[in-house]
Amino acid sequence: MSPESFTFIESATVLAMVVLGGMASIPGIVLGAMALIVLPEVFREFELYRMLALGGAMVLMMLFRPEGILPAKRMGTRSEEKG
């Protein structure tokens, strides 16, 4: 393995899988990966706009659901939240 074996598209796709699924949630990351593998196949005729749609989906996720599709469950509270 070397850094040259990964293109920008592959790196962006892996990052999008993690962000869309939920950064601390393994089931969320798996769901994000499945979505980003299946959806391009479903919308194959719009291949020219795939990166635009991926960027738009990431922006929308960051605005409306920053914790991801399936966020990780919190195990405790932080000292700032105890009031």
PDB file of N, CA and C in Angstrom:
ATOM      1  N   MET A   1       0.836  -1.171   0.000  1.00  0.00           N
ATOM      2  CA  MET A   1       0.000   0.000   0.000  1.00  0.00           C
ATOM      3  C   MET A   1       0.883   1.236   0.000  1.00  0.00           C
ATOM      4  N   SER A   2       0.503   2.158  -0.805  1.00  0.00           N
ATOM      5  CA  SER A   2       1.197   3.439  -0.823  1.00  0.00           C
ATOM      6  C   SER A   2       0.168   4.536  -1.040  1.00  0.00           C
ATOM      7  N   PRO A   3       0.480   5.760  -0.671  1.00  0.00           N
ATOM      8  CA  PRO A   3      -0.485   6.854  -0.842  1.00  0.00           C
ATOM      9  C   PRO A   3      -0.893   7.066  -2.306  1.00  0.00           C
ATOM     10  N   GLU A   4      -0.035   6.698  -3.237  1.00  0.00           N
ATOM     11  CA  GLU A   4      -0.343   6.879  -4.652  1.00  0.00           C
ATOM     12  C   GLU A   4      -1.437   5.936  -5.136  1.00  0.00           C
ATOM     13  N   SER A   5      -1.738   4.883  -4.377  1.00  0.00           N
ATOM     14  CA  SER A   5      -2.744   3.922  -4.824  1.00  0.00           C
ATOM     15  C   SER A   5      -4.169   4.415  -4.577  1.00  0.00           C
ATOM     16  N   PHE A   6      -4.336   5.525  -3.857  1.00  0.00           N
ATOM     17  CA  PHE A   6      -5.663   6.077  -3.598  1.00  0.00           C
ATOM     18  C   PHE A   6      -5.824   7.382  -4.346  1.00  0.00           C
ATOM     19  N   THR A   7      -6.922   7.501  -5.074  1.00  0.00           N
ATOM     20  CA  THR A   7      -7.211   8.752  -5.777  1.00  0.00           C
ATOM     21  C   THR A   7      -7.988   9.680  -4.841  1.00  0.00           C
ATOM     22  N   PHE A   8      -8.158  10.919  -5.263  1.00  0.00           N
ATOM     23  CA  PHE A   8      -8.918  11.873  -4.468  1.00  0.00           C
ATOM     24  C   PHE A   8     -10.360  11.413  -4.310  1.00  0.00           C
ATOM     25  N   ILE A   9     -10.937  10.845  -5.355  1.00  0.00           N
ATOM     26  CA  ILE A   9     -12.334  10.386  -5.308  1.00  0.00           C
ATOM     27  C   ILE A   9     -12.496   9.304  -4.249  1.00  0.00           C
ATOM     28  N   GLU A  10     -11.577   8.359  -4.193  1.00  0.00           N
ATOM     29  CA  GLU A  10     -11.662   7.289  -3.199  1.00  0.00           C
ATOM     30  C   GLU A  10     -11.522   7.833  -1.786  1.00  0.00           C
ATOM     31  N   SER A  11     -10.605   8.766  -1.593  1.00  0.00           N
ATOM     32  CA  SER A  11     -10.428   9.363  -0.272  1.00  0.00           C
ATOM     33  C   SER A  11     -11.664  10.151   0.143  1.00  0.00           C
ATOM     34  N   ALA A  12     -12.244  10.905  -0.776  1.00  0.00           N
ATOM     35  CA  ALA A  12     -13.454  11.673  -0.476  1.00  0.00           C
ATOM     36  C   ALA A  12     -14.621  10.751  -0.175  1.00  0.00           C
ATOM     37  N   THR A  13     -14.709   9.633  -0.865  1.00  0.00           N
ATOM     38  CA  THR A  13     -15.794   8.684  -0.632  1.00  0.00           C
ATOM     39  C   THR A  13     -15.683   8.054   0.754  1.00  0.00           C
ATOM     40  N   VAL A  14     -14.484   7.681   1.157  1.00  0.00           N
ATOM     41  CA  VAL A  14     -14.291   7.100   2.498  1.00  0.00           C
ATOM     42  C   VAL A  14     -14.629   8.128   3.567  1.00  0.00           C
ATOM     43  N   LEU A  15     -14.198   9.355   3.386  1.00  0.00           N
ATOM     44  CA  LEU A  15     -14.523  10.418   4.335  1.00  0.00           C
ATOM     45  C   LEU A  15     -16.030  10.634   4.403  1.00  0.00           C
ATOM     46  N   ALA A  16     -16.689  10.632   3.261  1.00  0.00           N
ATOM     47  CA  ALA A  16     -18.136  10.817   3.226  1.00  0.00           C
ATOM     48  C   ALA A  16     -18.860   9.666   3.922  1.00  0.00           C
ATOM     49  N   MET A  17     -18.366   8.453   3.781  1.00  0.00           N
ATOM     50  CA  MET A  17     -18.974   7.308   4.465  1.00  0.00           C
ATOM     51  C   MET A  17     -18.962   7.511   5.971  1.00  0.00           C
ATOM     52  N   VAL A  18     -17.842   7.979   6.484  1.00  0.00           N
ATOM     53  CA  VAL A  18     -17.704   8.182   7.925  1.00  0.00           C
ATOM     54  C   VAL A  18     -18.571   9.344   8.387  1.00  0.00           C
ATOM     55  N   VAL A  19     -18.552  10.444   7.653  1.00  0.00           N
ATOM     56  CA  VAL A  19     -19.316  11.626   8.056  1.00  0.00           C
ATOM     57  C   VAL A  19     -20.818  11.363   7.965  1.00  0.00           C
ATOM     58  N   LEU A  20     -21.262  10.756   6.880  1.00  0.00           N
ATOM     59  CA  LEU A  20     -22.697  10.504   6.718  1.00  0.00           C
ATOM     60  C   LEU A  20     -23.214   9.483   7.720  1.00  0.00           C
ATOM     61  N   GLY A  21     -22.416   8.490   8.029  1.00  0.00           N
ATOM     62  CA  GLY A  21     -22.869   7.446   8.931  1.00  0.00           C
ATOM     63  C   GLY A  21     -22.840   7.839  10.395  1.00  0.00           C
ATOM     64  N   GLY A  22     -21.864   8.597  10.792  1.00  0.00           N
ATOM     65  CA  GLY A  22     -21.692   8.970  12.191  1.00  0.00           C
ATOM     66  C   GLY A  22     -20.281   8.615  12.615  1.00  0.00           C
ATOM     67  N   MET A  23     -19.507   9.602  13.041  1.00  0.00           N
ATOM     68  CA  MET A  23     -18.070   9.397  13.223  1.00  0.00           C
ATOM     69  C   MET A  23     -17.720   8.426  14.339  1.00  0.00           C
ATOM     70  N   ALA A  24     -18.533   8.273  15.346  1.00  0.00           N
ATOM     71  CA  ALA A  24     -18.184   7.393  16.458  1.00  0.00           C
ATOM     72  C   ALA A  24     -19.055   6.143  16.492  1.00  0.00           C
ATOM     73  N   SER A  25     -19.758   5.882  15.419  1.00  0.00           N
ATOM     74  CA  SER A  25     -20.711   4.786  15.396  1.00  0.00           C
ATOM     75  C   SER A  25     -20.349   3.792  14.291  1.00  0.00           C
ATOM     76  N   ILE A  26     -19.940   2.597  14.664  1.00  0.00           N
ATOM     77  CA  ILE A  26     -19.602   1.574  13.672  1.00  0.00           C
ATOM     78  C   ILE A  26     -20.831   1.199  12.827  1.00  0.00           C
ATOM     79  N   PRO A  27     -22.017   0.946  13.428  1.00  0.00           N
ATOM     80  CA  PRO A  27     -23.185   0.655  12.578  1.00  0.00           C
ATOM     81  C   PRO A  27     -23.526   1.827  11.658  1.00  0.00           C
ATOM     82  N   GLY A  28     -23.329   3.050  12.119  1.00  0.00           N
ATOM     83  CA  GLY A  28     -23.592   4.208  11.273  1.00  0.00           C
ATOM     84  C   GLY A  28     -22.636   4.278  10.100  1.00  0.00           C
ATOM     85  N   ILE A  29     -21.365   3.968  10.340  1.00  0.00           N
ATOM     86  CA  ILE A  29     -20.379   3.982   9.264  1.00  0.00           C
ATOM     87  C   ILE A  29     -20.702   2.902   8.241  1.00  0.00           C
ATOM     88  N   VAL A  30     -21.136   1.730   8.710  1.00  0.00           N
ATOM     89  CA  VAL A  30     -21.527   0.653   7.791  1.00  0.00           C
ATOM     90  C   VAL A  30     -22.733   1.098   6.961  1.00  0.00           C
ATOM     91  N   LEU A  31     -23.708   1.753   7.594  1.00  0.00           N
ATOM     92  CA  LEU A  31     -24.877   2.258   6.868  1.00  0.00           C
ATOM     93  C   LEU A  31     -24.471   3.325   5.854  1.00  0.00           C
ATOM     94  N   GLY A  32     -23.580   4.228   6.250  1.00  0.00           N
ATOM     95  CA  GLY A  32     -23.093   5.244   5.321  1.00  0.00           C
ATOM     96  C   GLY A  32     -22.342   4.627   4.152  1.00  0.00           C
ATOM     97  N   ALA A  33     -21.547   3.599   4.417  1.00  0.00           N
ATOM     98  CA  ALA A  33     -20.819   2.910   3.350  1.00  0.00           C
ATOM     99  C   ALA A  33     -21.774   2.213   2.397  1.00  0.00           C
ATOM    100  N   MET A  34     -22.783   1.554   2.945  1.00  0.00           N
ATOM    101  CA  MET A  34     -23.764   0.883   2.079  1.00  0.00           C
ATOM    102  C   MET A  34     -24.501   1.904   1.220  1.00  0.00           C
ATOM    103  N   ALA A  35     -24.853   3.049   1.807  1.00  0.00           N
ATOM    104  CA  ALA A  35     -25.562   4.081   1.049  1.00  0.00           C
ATOM    105  C   ALA A  35     -24.696   4.623  -0.083  1.00  0.00           C
ATOM    106  N   LEU A  36     -23.416   4.840   0.193  1.00  0.00           N
ATOM    107  CA  LEU A  36     -22.545   5.408  -0.836  1.00  0.00           C
ATOM    108  C   LEU A  36     -22.071   4.382  -1.855  1.00  0.00           C
ATOM    109  N   ILE A  37     -22.323   3.128  -1.604  1.00  0.00           N
ATOM    110  CA  ILE A  37     -22.019   2.106  -2.606  1.00  0.00           C
ATOM    111  C   ILE A  37     -23.246   1.839  -3.468  1.00  0.00           C
ATOM    112  N   VAL A  38     -24.426   1.796  -2.846  1.00  0.00           N
ATOM    113  CA  VAL A  38     -25.656   1.460  -3.569  1.00  0.00           C
ATOM    114  C   VAL A  38     -26.191   2.646  -4.369  1.00  0.00           C
ATOM    115  N   LEU A  39     -26.213   3.836  -3.776  1.00  0.00           N
ATOM    116  CA  LEU A  39     -26.828   4.986  -4.442  1.00  0.00           C
ATOM    117  C   LEU A  39     -26.178   5.363  -5.775  1.00  0.00           C
ATOM    118  N   PRO A  40     -24.843   5.338  -5.913  1.00  0.00           N
ATOM    119  CA  PRO A  40     -24.282   5.622  -7.240  1.00  0.00           C
ATOM    120  C   PRO A  40     -24.714   4.615  -8.310  1.00  0.00           C
ATOM    121  N   GLU A  41     -24.946   3.379  -7.901  1.00  0.00           N
ATOM    122  CA  GLU A  41     -25.427   2.389  -8.869  1.00  0.00           C
ATOM    123  C   GLU A  41     -26.864   2.658  -9.280  1.00  0.00           C
ATOM    124  N   VAL A  42     -27.674   3.120  -8.330  1.00  0.00           N
ATOM    125  CA  VAL A  42     -29.073   3.425  -8.633  1.00  0.00           C
ATOM    126  C   VAL A  42     -29.162   4.629  -9.573  1.00  0.00           C
ATOM    127  N   PHE A  43     -28.325   5.631  -9.336  1.00  0.00           N
ATOM    128  CA  PHE A  43     -28.351   6.853 -10.139  1.00  0.00           C
ATOM    129  C   PHE A  43     -27.182   6.904 -11.117  1.00  0.00           C
ATOM    130  N   ARG A  44     -26.935   5.811 -11.789  1.00  0.00           N
ATOM    131  CA  ARG A  44     -25.796   5.696 -12.704  1.00  0.00           C
ATOM    132  C   ARG A  44     -25.866   6.703 -13.857  1.00  0.00           C
ATOM    133  N   GLU A  45     -27.061   7.058 -14.328  1.00  0.00           N
ATOM    134  CA  GLU A  45     -27.172   7.987 -15.460  1.00  0.00           C
ATOM    135  C   GLU A  45     -26.776   9.413 -15.088  1.00  0.00           C
ATOM    136  N   PHE A  46     -26.647   9.718 -13.796  1.00  0.00           N
ATOM    137  CA  PHE A  46     -26.226  11.042 -13.341  1.00  0.00           C
ATOM    138  C   PHE A  46     -24.777  11.034 -12.855  1.00  0.00           C
ATOM    139  N   GLU A  47     -23.943  10.217 -13.482  1.00  0.00           N
ATOM    140  CA  GLU A  47     -22.567  10.031 -13.020  1.00  0.00           C
ATOM    141  C   GLU A  47     -21.758  11.328 -13.032  1.00  0.00           C
ATOM    142  N   LEU A  48     -22.063  12.236 -13.945  1.00  0.00           N
ATOM    143  CA  LEU A  48     -21.330  13.495 -14.017  1.00  0.00           C
ATOM    144  C   LEU A  48     -21.553  14.366 -12.790  1.00  0.00           C
ATOM    145  N   TYR A  49     -22.660  14.191 -12.122  1.00  0.00           N
ATOM    146  CA  TYR A  49     -23.007  15.025 -10.978  1.00  0.00           C
ATOM    147  C   TYR A  49     -22.787  14.325  -9.638  1.00  0.00           C
ATOM    148  N   ARG A  50     -22.090  13.198  -9.638  1.00  0.00           N
ATOM    149  CA  ARG A  50     -21.927  12.416  -8.422  1.00  0.00           C
ATOM    150  C   ARG A  50     -21.176  13.181  -7.334  1.00  0.00           C
ATOM    151  N   MET A  51     -20.084  13.841  -7.685  1.00  0.00           N
ATOM    152  CA  MET A  51     -19.314  14.575  -6.682  1.00  0.00           C
ATOM    153  C   MET A  51     -20.091  15.788  -6.179  1.00  0.00           C
ATOM    154  N   LEU A  52     -20.867  16.415  -7.052  1.00  0.00           N
ATOM    155  CA  LEU A  52     -21.711  17.536  -6.629  1.00  0.00           C
ATOM    156  C   LEU A  52     -22.759  17.052  -5.629  1.00  0.00           C
ATOM    157  N   ALA A  53     -23.386  15.925  -5.918  1.00  0.00           N
ATOM    158  CA  ALA A  53     -24.390  15.369  -4.999  1.00  0.00           C
ATOM    159  C   ALA A  53     -23.742  14.930  -3.686  1.00  0.00           C
ATOM    160  N   LEU A  54     -22.553  14.367  -3.751  1.00  0.00           N
ATOM    161  CA  LEU A  54     -21.850  13.942  -2.540  1.00  0.00           C
ATOM    162  C   LEU A  54     -21.507  15.152  -1.662  1.00  0.00           C
ATOM    163  N   GLY A  55     -21.021  16.209  -2.270  1.00  0.00           N
ATOM    164  CA  GLY A  55     -20.725  17.424  -1.523  1.00  0.00           C
ATOM    165  C   GLY A  55     -21.978  18.045  -0.932  1.00  0.00           C
ATOM    166  N   GLY A  56     -23.051  18.070  -1.707  1.00  0.00           N
ATOM    167  CA  GLY A  56     -24.315  18.607  -1.202  1.00  0.00           C
ATOM    168  C   GLY A  56     -24.857  17.790  -0.051  1.00  0.00           C
ATOM    169  N   ALA A  57     -24.752  16.472  -0.140  1.00  0.00           N
ATOM    170  CA  ALA A  57     -25.223  15.606   0.948  1.00  0.00           C
ATOM    171  C   ALA A  57     -24.399  15.829   2.209  1.00  0.00           C
ATOM    172  N   MET A  58     -23.093  16.028   2.066  1.00  0.00           N
ATOM    173  CA  MET A  58     -22.253  16.267   3.235  1.00  0.00           C
ATOM    174  C   MET A  58     -22.587  17.607   3.887  1.00  0.00           C
ATOM    175  N   VAL A  59     -22.843  18.636   3.075  1.00  0.00           N
ATOM    176  CA  VAL A  59     -23.216  19.945   3.623  1.00  0.00           C
ATOM    177  C   VAL A  59     -24.547  19.853   4.351  1.00  0.00           C
ATOM    178  N   LEU A  60     -25.519  19.177   3.746  1.00  0.00           N
ATOM    179  CA  LEU A  60     -26.827  19.022   4.391  1.00  0.00           C
ATOM    180  C   LEU A  60     -26.724  18.230   5.689  1.00  0.00           C
ATOM    181  N   MET A  61     -25.908  17.190   5.703  1.00  0.00           N
ATOM    182  CA  MET A  61     -25.734  16.407   6.924  1.00  0.00           C
ATOM    183  C   MET A  61     -25.091  17.250   8.017  1.00  0.00           C
ATOM    184  N   MET A  62     -24.117  18.053   7.661  1.00  0.00           N
ATOM    185  CA  MET A  62     -23.457  18.895   8.667  1.00  0.00           C
ATOM    186  C   MET A  62     -24.403  19.964   9.210  1.00  0.00           C
ATOM    187  N   LEU A  63     -25.322  20.438   8.387  1.00  0.00           N
ATOM    188  CA  LEU A  63     -26.263  21.458   8.843  1.00  0.00           C
ATOM    189  C   LEU A  63     -27.398  20.882   9.678  1.00  0.00           C
ATOM    190  N   PHE A  64     -27.996  19.786   9.206  1.00  0.00           N
ATOM    191  CA  PHE A  64     -29.212  19.286   9.834  1.00  0.00           C
ATOM    192  C   PHE A  64     -29.006  18.099  10.764  1.00  0.00           C
ATOM    193  N   ARG A  65     -27.962  17.336  10.569  1.00  0.00           N
ATOM    194  CA  ARG A  65     -27.729  16.160  11.410  1.00  0.00           C
ATOM    195  C   ARG A  65     -26.223  15.943  11.558  1.00  0.00           C
ATOM    196  N   PRO A  66     -25.547  16.827  12.298  1.00  0.00           N
ATOM    197  CA  PRO A  66     -24.077  16.749  12.362  1.00  0.00           C
ATOM    198  C   PRO A  66     -23.539  15.490  13.030  1.00  0.00           C
ATOM    199  N   GLU A  67     -24.365  14.784  13.803  1.00  0.00           N
ATOM    200  CA  GLU A  67     -23.878  13.565  14.452  1.00  0.00           C
ATOM    201  C   GLU A  67     -23.940  12.348  13.539  1.00  0.00           C
ATOM    202  N   GLY A  68     -24.520  12.469  12.346  1.00  0.00           N
ATOM    203  CA  GLY A  68     -24.574  11.381  11.377  1.00  0.00           C
ATOM    204  C   GLY A  68     -25.935  10.707  11.334  1.00  0.00           C
ATOM    205  N   ILE A  69     -26.086   9.759  10.428  1.00  0.00           N
ATOM    206  CA  ILE A  69     -27.355   9.048  10.262  1.00  0.00           C
ATOM    207  C   ILE A  69     -27.679   8.233  11.508  1.00  0.00           C
ATOM    208  N   LEU A  70     -26.713   7.489  11.997  1.00  0.00           N
ATOM    209  CA  LEU A  70     -26.870   6.656  13.181  1.00  0.00           C
ATOM    210  C   LEU A  70     -25.816   7.070  14.196  1.00  0.00           C
ATOM    211  N   PRO A  71     -26.084   8.069  15.020  1.00  0.00           N
ATOM    212  CA  PRO A  71     -25.050   8.546  15.950  1.00  0.00           C
ATOM    213  C   PRO A  71     -24.745   7.516  17.041  1.00  0.00           C
ATOM    214  N   ALA A  72     -23.554   7.613  17.588  1.00  0.00           N
ATOM    215  CA  ALA A  72     -23.161   6.726  18.682  1.00  0.00           C
ATOM    216  C   ALA A  72     -23.919   7.110  19.946  1.00  0.00           C
ATOM    217  N   LYS A  73     -24.241   6.132  20.747  1.00  0.00           N
ATOM    218  CA  LYS A  73     -24.924   6.393  22.007  1.00  0.00           C
ATOM    219  C   LYS A  73     -23.909   6.925  23.011  1.00  0.00           C
ATOM    220  N   ARG A  74     -24.317   7.907  23.777  1.00  0.00           N
ATOM    221  CA  ARG A  74     -23.429   8.494  24.781  1.00  0.00           C
ATOM    222  C   ARG A  74     -23.449   7.632  26.030  1.00  0.00           C
ATOM    223  N   MET A  75     -22.287   7.390  26.565  1.00  0.00           N
ATOM    224  CA  MET A  75     -22.182   6.515  27.729  1.00  0.00           C
ATOM    225  C   MET A  75     -22.323   7.281  29.048  1.00  0.00           C
ATOM    226  N   GLY A  76     -22.051   8.554  29.039  1.00  0.00           N
ATOM    227  CA  GLY A  76     -22.119   9.327  30.279  1.00  0.00           C
ATOM    228  C   GLY A  76     -22.318  10.793  29.966  1.00  0.00           C
ATOM    229  N   THR A  77     -22.162  11.622  30.989  1.00  0.00           N
ATOM    230  CA  THR A  77     -22.291  13.053  30.788  1.00  0.00           C
ATOM    231  C   THR A  77     -20.961  13.726  31.066  1.00  0.00           C
ATOM    232  N   ARG A  78     -20.771  14.840  30.464  1.00  0.00           N
ATOM    233  CA  ARG A  78     -19.569  15.630  30.709  1.00  0.00           C
ATOM    234  C   ARG A  78     -19.788  16.491  31.933  1.00  0.00           C
ATOM    235  N   SER A  79     -18.721  16.948  32.521  1.00  0.00           N
ATOM    236  CA  SER A  79     -18.825  17.758  33.719  1.00  0.00           C
ATOM    237  C   SER A  79     -19.529  19.083  33.426  1.00  0.00           C
ATOM    238  N   GLU A  80     -19.411  19.617  32.198  1.00  0.00           N
ATOM    239  CA  GLU A  80     -20.083  20.863  31.849  1.00  0.00           C
ATOM    240  C   GLU A  80     -21.596  20.690  31.784  1.00  0.00           C
ATOM    241  N   GLU A  81     -22.062  19.473  31.495  1.00  0.00           N
ATOM    242  CA  GLU A  81     -23.485  19.226  31.312  1.00  0.00           C
ATOM    243  C   GLU A  81     -24.218  18.950  32.619  1.00  0.00           C
ATOM    244  N   LYS A  82     -23.511  18.763  33.702  1.00  0.00           N
ATOM    245  CA  LYS A  82     -24.154  18.386  34.957  1.00  0.00           C
ATOM    246  C   LYS A  82     -24.880  19.552  35.612  1.00  0.00           C
ATOM    247  N   GLY A  83     -24.592  20.744  35.173  1.00  0.00           N
ATOM    248  CA  GLY A  83     -25.375  21.873  35.593  1.00  0.00           C
ATOM    249  C   GLY A  83     -24.964  22.530  36.801  1.00  0.00           C
TER     250      GLY A  83
END
